[in-house]
N, C-alpha and C. Protein backbone atom coordinates (compact mmCIF):
# COMPACT_ATOMS: atom_id res chain seq x y z
N UNK A 1 -28.43 10.64 19.06
CA UNK A 1 -28.05 11.66 19.02
C UNK A 1 -27.15 12.13 19.28
N UNK A 2 -25.96 13.36 19.04
CA UNK A 2 -24.77 12.99 19.57
C UNK A 2 -24.58 13.84 20.89
N UNK A 3 -25.49 14.93 20.28
CA UNK A 3 -25.13 16.69 21.32
C UNK A 3 -25.88 16.08 22.82
N UNK A 4 -25.78 16.98 23.80
CA UNK A 4 -26.56 16.75 24.38
C UNK A 4 -27.60 17.16 24.05
N UNK A 5 -29.41 16.36 25.42
CA UNK A 5 -30.87 16.46 25.08
C UNK A 5 -30.72 17.68 25.50
N UNK A 6 -32.03 18.45 25.67
CA UNK A 6 -32.48 19.06 25.99
C UNK A 6 -33.62 18.99 26.91
N UNK A 7 -34.03 19.30 27.47
CA UNK A 7 -35.41 19.12 28.45
C UNK A 7 -36.48 19.77 27.93
N UNK A 8 -37.37 18.00 28.18
CA UNK A 8 -38.81 19.07 28.16
C UNK A 8 -39.21 18.27 29.39
N UNK A 9 -40.38 19.11 30.32
CA UNK A 9 -40.83 19.16 31.64
C UNK A 9 -42.69 18.86 30.80
N UNK A 10 -43.16 17.96 30.65
CA UNK A 10 -44.07 16.76 30.85
C UNK A 10 -45.07 16.63 31.53
N UNK A 11 -45.20 17.48 32.72
CA UNK A 11 -46.41 17.66 33.03
C UNK A 11 -47.65 18.81 32.59
N UNK A 12 -48.44 17.27 32.89
CA UNK A 12 -50.33 18.18 32.06
C UNK A 12 -49.58 18.07 30.40
N UNK A 13 -49.22 17.53 30.32
CA UNK A 13 -49.06 16.70 28.73
C UNK A 13 -49.45 15.47 28.66
N UNK A 14 -49.15 14.58 29.33
CA UNK A 14 -49.17 13.56 28.98
C UNK A 14 -51.37 12.91 28.82
N UNK A 15 -50.59 12.14 27.40
CA UNK A 15 -51.94 11.92 26.46
C UNK A 15 -51.66 12.38 25.28
N UNK A 16 -52.04 13.83 25.23
CA UNK A 16 -52.01 14.76 24.67
C UNK A 16 -50.99 14.76 23.07
N UNK A 17 -50.77 13.94 21.91
CA UNK A 17 -49.62 13.10 21.41
C UNK A 17 -48.98 14.66 20.63
N UNK A 18 -50.20 15.87 20.62
CA UNK A 18 -50.11 16.64 19.15
C UNK A 18 -48.89 17.75 20.69
N UNK A 19 -49.75 18.08 21.56
CA UNK A 19 -48.54 18.82 22.64
C UNK A 19 -47.06 18.49 22.63
N UNK A 20 -47.75 16.98 22.94
CA UNK A 20 -46.33 16.45 22.77
C UNK A 20 -44.99 17.21 22.07
N UNK A 21 -45.74 16.47 20.75
CA UNK A 21 -44.97 17.02 19.90
C UNK A 21 -43.98 17.62 19.61
N UNK A 22 -44.65 19.75 20.16
CA UNK A 22 -45.11 20.86 19.91
C UNK A 22 -43.80 21.11 21.01
N UNK A 23 -44.06 20.76 21.73
CA UNK A 23 -43.79 20.72 23.45
C UNK A 23 -41.29 20.69 23.25
N UNK A 24 -41.67 19.81 22.08
CA UNK A 24 -39.93 18.12 21.94
C UNK A 24 -39.25 19.26 20.53
N UNK A 25 -40.51 19.54 19.73
CA UNK A 25 -40.51 20.46 18.45
C UNK A 25 -39.31 21.90 18.67
N UNK A 26 -39.98 22.63 19.94
CA UNK A 26 -39.90 23.62 20.79
C UNK A 26 -37.98 23.34 20.95
N UNK A 27 -38.43 22.48 21.83
CA UNK A 27 -37.10 22.81 22.51
C UNK A 27 -36.49 22.49 22.26
N UNK A 28 -36.37 21.25 20.42
CA UNK A 28 -34.87 21.41 19.85
C UNK A 28 -34.51 22.34 19.71
N UNK A 29 -35.83 22.97 18.76
CA UNK A 29 -35.11 24.13 18.00
C UNK A 29 -34.68 25.83 18.77
N UNK A 30 -34.76 25.77 20.18
CA UNK A 30 -34.35 26.53 20.79
C UNK A 30 -32.79 25.83 21.04
N UNK A 31 -33.01 25.20 21.30
CA UNK A 31 -31.43 24.17 21.21
C UNK A 31 -31.07 24.81 19.97
N UNK A 32 -31.14 24.68 19.43
CA UNK A 32 -30.59 24.32 17.86
C UNK A 32 -30.69 24.19 16.99
N UNK A 33 -31.58 22.81 17.20
CA UNK A 33 -30.90 21.87 17.04
C UNK A 33 -32.27 21.15 15.46
N UNK A 34 -32.37 22.21 14.59
CA UNK A 34 -33.54 22.24 13.30
C UNK A 34 -33.80 20.32 13.12
N UNK A 35 -31.92 20.07 12.50
CA UNK A 35 -32.19 18.38 11.64
C UNK A 35 -32.50 17.57 12.34
N UNK A 36 -32.48 18.26 14.24
CA UNK A 36 -33.14 17.02 14.61
C UNK A 36 -34.28 17.12 15.24
N UNK A 37 -34.91 18.25 14.90
CA UNK A 37 -36.32 19.22 15.07
C UNK A 37 -36.75 17.62 14.08
N UNK A 38 -36.73 18.92 12.75
CA UNK A 38 -37.09 17.75 11.49
C UNK A 38 -36.85 15.90 11.29
N UNK A 39 -36.04 15.36 12.37
CA UNK A 39 -35.77 13.95 12.59
C UNK A 39 -37.26 13.73 13.24
N UNK A 40 -36.83 13.83 13.99
CA UNK A 40 -37.82 13.60 15.29
C UNK A 40 -39.39 13.52 14.80
N UNK A 41 -39.74 14.93 13.89
CA UNK A 41 -41.30 15.10 13.30
C UNK A 41 -41.60 14.14 12.06
N UNK A 42 -40.16 13.00 11.68
CA UNK A 42 -40.74 12.26 10.49
C UNK A 42 -40.50 10.93 11.35
N UNK A 43 -39.92 10.46 12.18
CA UNK A 43 -40.04 8.79 13.01
C UNK A 43 -41.07 9.24 14.10
N UNK A 44 -41.99 10.30 15.20
CA UNK A 44 -42.53 11.14 16.40
C UNK A 44 -44.12 10.69 15.75
N UNK A 45 -43.98 11.16 13.77
CA UNK A 45 -45.42 10.69 13.40
C UNK A 45 -45.68 9.05 12.16
N UNK A 46 -44.64 8.61 12.87
CA UNK A 46 -44.51 7.80 11.72
C UNK A 46 -45.51 5.93 12.00
N UNK A 47 -46.24 6.76 13.69
CA UNK A 47 -46.59 5.41 14.09
C UNK A 47 -47.55 5.40 15.02
N UNK A 48 -48.13 4.34 15.98
CA UNK A 48 -48.98 5.47 17.08
C UNK A 48 -48.39 5.82 18.17
N UNK A 49 -49.50 6.07 19.06
CA UNK A 49 -48.43 6.78 20.55
C UNK A 49 -47.35 6.33 21.48
N UNK A 50 -47.71 4.54 20.99
CA UNK A 50 -45.97 4.15 21.63
C UNK A 50 -45.55 4.15 21.52
N UNK A 51 -44.48 4.60 19.97
CA UNK A 51 -43.47 5.32 18.61
C UNK A 51 -43.54 6.08 19.63
N UNK A 52 -43.96 7.68 19.34
CA UNK A 52 -44.36 8.38 19.50
C UNK A 52 -43.63 8.73 21.25
N UNK A 53 -43.69 8.02 22.33
CA UNK A 53 -42.88 8.44 23.52
C UNK A 53 -42.30 7.77 22.97
N UNK A 54 -41.63 7.18 23.17
CA UNK A 54 -39.82 6.24 22.95
C UNK A 54 -39.26 7.31 21.85
N UNK A 55 -39.92 7.40 21.22
CA UNK A 55 -38.72 8.48 20.29
C UNK A 55 -39.10 10.42 21.04
N UNK A 56 -40.44 10.33 21.31
CA UNK A 56 -39.57 11.72 22.39
C UNK A 56 -38.44 11.27 23.43
N UNK A 57 -38.06 9.97 24.17
CA UNK A 57 -37.30 10.22 24.91
C UNK A 57 -35.75 9.90 23.54
N UNK A 58 -36.27 9.63 22.92
CA UNK A 58 -34.56 10.16 21.83
C UNK A 58 -34.30 10.62 21.46
N UNK A 59 -34.70 12.34 22.52
CA UNK A 59 -34.04 13.30 21.47
C UNK A 59 -34.48 14.21 22.79
N UNK A 60 -35.45 14.23 23.16
CA UNK A 60 -34.73 14.96 24.36
C UNK A 60 -35.73 14.46 25.77
N UNK A 61 -34.11 15.08 26.78
CA UNK A 61 -34.68 14.46 28.59
C UNK A 61 -36.10 14.41 28.93
N UNK A 62 -36.70 13.76 29.69
CA UNK A 62 -38.37 14.17 29.31
C UNK A 62 -38.46 14.20 31.36
N UNK A 63 -38.19 15.75 31.33
CA UNK A 63 -38.51 15.62 33.57
C UNK A 63 -40.13 15.94 33.47
N UNK A 64 -40.58 15.50 34.65
CA UNK A 64 -41.90 16.22 35.48
C UNK A 64 -41.73 17.58 35.80
């Protein structure tokens, strides 16, 4: 991703994959990154929870 990553606060979200996906999509869309949001969903749902966490960190800056 070439643009600055949106920030997502993950306090209280650990362990809930669907909530993580929704939070990242919301942040990407708020930043005007529709294409990146679509790519994120494809990559994030392609495998397991460990993959999801890796993909989340590729698309957003995670803070607590």
